[in-house]
């Protein structure tokens, strides 16, 4: 029972960390919103586009760190050097849960 509680607490902590608060802290929300296009695409649109892609977390994590262009139009996404690989993975997983 105690192990189950610890596992649930760890899951809740990681889910809470990979949230809009982390995206805000890492300046992602300056260009993105969950439900509408700003400079970049809405997170819900990103989630829909990558919904059936088994490599989505890896692809999005790399895009978060390195930036990119051409996928969503002519405006490039700059590299985010403030994000660690672990944070990029958490952000990618969270983005994929948005609807």
C-alpha atoms as a PDB file:
ATOM      1  CA  UNK A   1       0.000   0.000   0.000  1.00  0.00           C
ATOM      2  CA  UNK A   2       2.778   2.389   0.947  1.00  0.00           C
ATOM      3  CA  UNK A   3       4.576   1.763  -2.376  1.00  0.00           C
ATOM      4  CA  UNK A   4       1.377   2.513  -4.299  1.00  0.00           C
ATOM      5  CA  UNK A   5       1.012   5.815  -2.481  1.00  0.00           C
ATOM      6  CA  UNK A   6       4.614   6.755  -3.250  1.00  0.00           C
ATOM      7  CA  UNK A   7       4.128   5.863  -6.919  1.00  0.00           C
ATOM      8  CA  UNK A   8       0.946   7.938  -7.094  1.00  0.00           C
ATOM      9  CA  UNK A   9       2.670  10.895  -5.446  1.00  0.00           C
ATOM     10  CA  UNK A  10       5.606  10.660  -7.872  1.00  0.00           C
ATOM     11  CA  UNK A  11       3.232  10.520 -10.846  1.00  0.00           C
ATOM     12  CA  UNK A  12       1.252  13.500  -9.573  1.00  0.00           C
ATOM     13  CA  UNK A  13       4.430  15.506  -9.016  1.00  0.00           C
ATOM     14  CA  UNK A  14       5.738  14.797 -12.519  1.00  0.00           C
ATOM     15  CA  UNK A  15       2.350  15.556 -14.078  1.00  0.00           C
ATOM     16  CA  UNK A  16       2.148  18.826 -12.166  1.00  0.00           C
ATOM     17  CA  UNK A  17       5.676  19.793 -13.247  1.00  0.00           C
ATOM     18  CA  UNK A  18       4.911  19.156 -16.927  1.00  0.00           C
ATOM     19  CA  UNK A  19       2.161  21.731 -17.090  1.00  0.00           C
ATOM     20  CA  UNK A  20       1.316  25.200 -18.270  1.00  0.00           C
ATOM     21  CA  UNK A  21       3.433  26.490 -15.382  1.00  0.00           C
ATOM     22  CA  UNK A  22       6.578  24.881 -16.789  1.00  0.00           C
ATOM     23  CA  UNK A  23       5.713  26.140 -20.276  1.00  0.00           C
ATOM     24  CA  UNK A  24       5.260  29.633 -18.826  1.00  0.00           C
ATOM     25  CA  UNK A  25       8.504  29.420 -16.857  1.00  0.00           C
ATOM     26  CA  UNK A  26      10.434  28.423 -19.993  1.00  0.00           C
ATOM     27  CA  UNK A  27       8.827  31.195 -22.110  1.00  0.00           C
ATOM     28  CA  UNK A  28       6.936  28.777 -24.361  1.00  0.00           C
ATOM     29  CA  UNK A  29       3.682  30.644 -23.745  1.00  0.00           C
ATOM     30  CA  UNK A  30       5.125  33.800 -25.317  1.00  0.00           C
ATOM     31  CA  UNK A  31       4.493  32.186 -28.724  1.00  0.00           C
ATOM     32  CA  UNK A  32       2.044  29.341 -27.981  1.00  0.00           C
ATOM     33  CA  UNK A  33      -1.326  28.879 -26.272  1.00  0.00           C
ATOM     34  CA  UNK A  34      -3.235  25.710 -25.541  1.00  0.00           C
ATOM     35  CA  UNK A  35      -6.296  26.496 -27.614  1.00  0.00           C
ATOM     36  CA  UNK A  36      -5.386  29.190 -30.160  1.00  0.00           C
ATOM     37  CA  UNK A  37      -2.633  30.066 -32.588  1.00  0.00           C
ATOM     38  CA  UNK A  38      -0.380  32.908 -31.503  1.00  0.00           C
ATOM     39  CA  UNK A  39       3.013  33.201 -33.210  1.00  0.00           C
ATOM     40  CA  UNK A  40       3.231  29.416 -33.199  1.00  0.00           C
ATOM     41  CA  UNK A  41       0.517  26.764 -33.378  1.00  0.00           C
ATOM     42  CA  UNK A  42      -1.907  25.990 -30.567  1.00  0.00           C
ATOM     43  CA  UNK A  43      -0.767  23.097 -28.417  1.00  0.00           C
ATOM     44  CA  UNK A  44      -4.044  21.276 -29.129  1.00  0.00           C
ATOM     45  CA  UNK A  45      -3.220  21.442 -32.852  1.00  0.00           C
ATOM     46  CA  UNK A  46       0.264  20.066 -32.209  1.00  0.00           C
ATOM     47  CA  UNK A  47      -1.260  17.235 -30.157  1.00  0.00           C
ATOM     48  CA  UNK A  48      -3.710  16.442 -32.965  1.00  0.00           C
ATOM     49  CA  UNK A  49      -0.991  16.476 -35.635  1.00  0.00           C
ATOM     50  CA  UNK A  50       1.257  14.087 -33.682  1.00  0.00           C
ATOM     51  CA  UNK A  51      -1.478  11.939 -32.100  1.00  0.00           C
ATOM     52  CA  UNK A  52      -0.603   8.795 -34.076  1.00  0.00           C
ATOM     53  CA  UNK A  53       3.157   9.363 -34.228  1.00  0.00           C
ATOM     54  CA  UNK A  54       4.936   6.900 -31.925  1.00  0.00           C
ATOM     55  CA  UNK A  55       8.066   9.093 -32.008  1.00  0.00           C
ATOM     56  CA  UNK A  56       6.191  12.300 -31.179  1.00  0.00           C
ATOM     57  CA  UNK A  57       7.784  12.852 -27.754  1.00  0.00           C
ATOM     58  CA  UNK A  58      11.279  12.505 -29.195  1.00  0.00           C
ATOM     59  CA  UNK A  59      10.526  14.729 -32.210  1.00  0.00           C
ATOM     60  CA  UNK A  60       8.866  17.445 -30.148  1.00  0.00           C
ATOM     61  CA  UNK A  61      11.562  17.331 -27.454  1.00  0.00           C
ATOM     62  CA  UNK A  62      14.228  17.919 -30.097  1.00  0.00           C
ATOM     63  CA  UNK A  63      12.181  20.713 -31.681  1.00  0.00           C
ATOM     64  CA  UNK A  64      11.760  22.405 -28.295  1.00  0.00           C
ATOM     65  CA  UNK A  65      15.519  22.423 -27.716  1.00  0.00           C
ATOM     66  CA  UNK A  66      16.832  22.978 -31.262  1.00  0.00           C
ATOM     67  CA  UNK A  67      13.978  24.943 -32.841  1.00  0.00           C
ATOM     68  CA  UNK A  68      12.878  24.396 -36.414  1.00  0.00           C
ATOM     69  CA  UNK A  69      10.937  25.739 -39.355  1.00  0.00           C
ATOM     70  CA  UNK A  70       8.589  24.795 -42.150  1.00  0.00           C
ATOM     71  CA  UNK A  71       6.246  22.467 -40.279  1.00  0.00           C
ATOM     72  CA  UNK A  72       3.691  25.130 -39.312  1.00  0.00           C
ATOM     73  CA  UNK A  73       4.427  27.816 -41.900  1.00  0.00           C
ATOM     74  CA  UNK A  74       7.151  30.329 -42.580  1.00  0.00           C
ATOM     75  CA  UNK A  75       7.738  31.582 -39.010  1.00  0.00           C
ATOM     76  CA  UNK A  76      10.670  29.634 -37.501  1.00  0.00           C
ATOM     77  CA  UNK A  77      10.639  28.363 -33.935  1.00  0.00           C
ATOM     78  CA  UNK A  78      13.839  29.472 -32.226  1.00  0.00           C
ATOM     79  CA  UNK A  79      15.897  27.094 -30.127  1.00  0.00           C
ATOM     80  CA  UNK A  80      15.048  27.227 -26.439  1.00  0.00           C
ATOM     81  CA  UNK A  81      18.380  27.026 -24.649  1.00  0.00           C
ATOM     82  CA  UNK A  82      16.663  27.441 -21.257  1.00  0.00           C
ATOM     83  CA  UNK A  83      15.148  23.954 -21.490  1.00  0.00           C
ATOM     84  CA  UNK A  84      17.019  20.825 -20.423  1.00  0.00           C
ATOM     85  CA  UNK A  85      16.452  17.543 -22.282  1.00  0.00           C
ATOM     86  CA  UNK A  86      14.392  16.239 -19.336  1.00  0.00           C
ATOM     87  CA  UNK A  87      12.251  19.383 -19.297  1.00  0.00           C
ATOM     88  CA  UNK A  88      11.798  19.208 -23.078  1.00  0.00           C
ATOM     89  CA  UNK A  89      10.534  15.646 -22.726  1.00  0.00           C
ATOM     90  CA  UNK A  90       8.137  16.670 -19.950  1.00  0.00           C
ATOM     91  CA  UNK A  91       6.864  19.579 -22.040  1.00  0.00           C
ATOM     92  CA  UNK A  92       6.419  17.379 -25.122  1.00  0.00           C
ATOM     93  CA  UNK A  93       4.457  14.808 -23.117  1.00  0.00           C
ATOM     94  CA  UNK A  94       2.244  17.545 -21.698  1.00  0.00           C
ATOM     95  CA  UNK A  95       1.657  19.149 -25.103  1.00  0.00           C
ATOM     96  CA  UNK A  96       0.527  15.782 -26.442  1.00  0.00           C
ATOM     97  CA  UNK A  97      -2.159  15.597 -23.725  1.00  0.00           C
ATOM     98  CA  UNK A  98      -3.761  18.930 -24.638  1.00  0.00           C
ATOM     99  CA  UNK A  99      -7.081  18.858 -26.451  1.00  0.00           C
END
